C-alpha cells in the first residue's frame, strides 16, 4: 500500500501551484504509510514544507498532534462516559505547502 500512496502523493503534489496546500491523510497506524511517507516526500521535494496543524483549527485535542504538527489519532483518544461510544480509529494527516 505504501508504494501506491507514494505514487498518489507525488501525483497530487505535481498538480499544486506555488503556495498551494495539500493534505495527505491515511487511516492507518503504519509508520510507512504516514510519518515515514511524509519524511521521504519532504526529503525528495525541497519545494515543499510541512505546515503544522493546530488543534483548535480542526477541533482536535492537543495530544492528537505530533511535535511537528502532524495529526496522529490513536484508539484511546476519544473518551465518552458511555464506554461503547469511546474510541477513534487510528489516523494520520499532514499538511504540506508548495513553496516554489
Protein backbone atom coordinates (compact mmCIF):
# COMPACT_ATOMS: atom_id res chain seq x y z
CA UNK A 1 0.00 0.00 0.00
CA UNK A 2 2.85 2.41 0.80
CA UNK A 3 4.13 2.25 -2.78
CA UNK A 4 0.72 3.22 -4.16
CA UNK A 5 0.40 6.02 -1.60
CA UNK A 6 3.83 7.34 -2.65
CA UNK A 7 2.70 7.49 -6.29
CA UNK A 8 -0.59 9.18 -5.38
CA UNK A 9 1.16 11.76 -3.18
CA UNK A 10 3.67 12.57 -5.93
CA UNK A 11 0.89 12.98 -8.49
CA UNK A 12 -1.21 15.20 -6.23
CA UNK A 13 1.87 17.32 -5.47
CA UNK A 14 2.52 17.79 -9.19
CA UNK A 15 -0.87 19.50 -9.53
CA UNK A 16 -0.18 22.25 -6.98
CA UNK A 17 0.79 25.81 -7.75
CA UNK A 18 3.31 27.61 -5.54
CA UNK A 19 1.78 28.31 -2.12
CA UNK A 20 -0.84 25.63 -2.75
CA UNK A 21 -1.76 23.36 0.16
CA UNK A 22 -2.05 19.59 0.13
CA UNK A 23 -3.38 17.43 2.94
CA UNK A 24 -2.09 13.89 2.97
CA UNK A 25 -4.22 11.61 5.14
CA UNK A 26 -4.42 7.91 5.76
CA UNK A 27 -6.49 5.72 8.05
CA UNK A 28 -3.52 3.67 9.16
CA UNK A 29 -1.23 3.24 12.16
CA UNK A 30 1.64 2.01 9.98
CA UNK A 31 4.55 4.50 10.03
CA UNK A 32 5.49 3.71 6.43
CA UNK A 33 2.05 4.88 5.34
CA UNK A 34 2.12 8.06 7.45
CA UNK A 35 5.08 9.85 9.00
CA UNK A 36 7.71 7.93 7.04
CA UNK A 37 5.86 8.65 3.79
CA UNK A 38 5.89 12.39 4.51
CA UNK A 39 9.52 12.38 5.67
CA UNK A 40 10.60 10.68 2.43
CA UNK A 41 8.48 13.04 0.35
CA UNK A 42 9.92 16.15 2.01
CA UNK A 43 13.47 14.82 1.66
CA UNK A 44 12.92 14.36 -2.08
CA UNK A 45 10.93 17.56 -2.63
CA UNK A 46 12.67 20.67 -1.24
CA UNK A 47 9.95 22.73 -2.93
CA UNK A 48 7.50 21.58 -0.21
CA UNK A 49 7.30 22.25 3.51
CA UNK A 50 5.29 20.81 6.37
CA UNK A 51 2.69 23.25 7.69
CA UNK A 52 1.86 22.32 11.28
CA UNK A 53 -1.76 21.53 12.07
CA UNK A 54 -3.04 23.38 15.12
CA UNK A 55 -5.54 21.50 17.30
CA UNK A 56 -8.27 24.20 17.57
CA UNK A 57 -8.43 24.74 13.82
CA UNK A 58 -9.60 21.15 13.30
CA UNK A 59 -11.47 20.57 16.57
CA UNK A 60 -8.80 18.20 17.88
CA UNK A 61 -7.17 17.73 21.24
CA UNK A 62 -3.53 18.83 21.55
CA UNK A 63 -2.35 15.28 22.29
CA UNK A 64 -3.61 14.17 18.88
CA UNK A 65 -0.75 16.11 17.27
CA UNK A 66 2.91 15.18 16.96
CA UNK A 67 5.58 17.71 17.96
CA UNK A 68 5.93 18.55 14.24
CA UNK A 69 2.21 19.30 13.90
CA UNK A 70 1.06 16.13 12.19
CA UNK A 71 -2.30 14.66 13.20
CA UNK A 72 -1.98 11.18 14.72
CA UNK A 73 -5.08 9.72 16.37
CA UNK A 74 -5.00 6.58 18.42
CA UNK A 75 -7.80 4.32 19.63
CA UNK A 76 -7.81 5.75 23.16
CA UNK A 77 -8.03 9.43 22.17
CA UNK A 78 -11.80 9.89 22.39
CA UNK A 79 -13.29 9.20 25.79
CA UNK A 80 -17.02 9.17 26.42
CA UNK A 81 -18.92 8.45 29.65
CA UNK A 82 -20.57 5.53 27.86
CA UNK A 83 -17.73 3.07 27.07
CA UNK A 84 -19.41 1.86 23.89
CA UNK A 85 -19.09 5.38 22.45
CA UNK A 86 -15.41 5.81 23.31
CA UNK A 87 -12.51 5.44 20.92
CA UNK A 88 -11.49 6.56 17.47
CA UNK A 89 -9.76 4.91 14.53
CA UNK A 90 -6.03 5.30 14.02
CA UNK A 91 -5.49 8.15 11.60
CA UNK A 92 -2.59 10.22 10.25
CA UNK A 93 -2.63 13.55 8.40
CA UNK A 94 -0.03 16.10 7.37
CA UNK A 95 -0.49 19.48 5.71
CA UNK A 96 2.05 20.41 3.05
CA UNK A 97 2.65 23.65 1.18
CA UNK A 98 4.43 24.03 -2.13
CA UNK A 99 6.89 26.86 -1.57
CA UNK A 100 8.22 27.19 -5.12
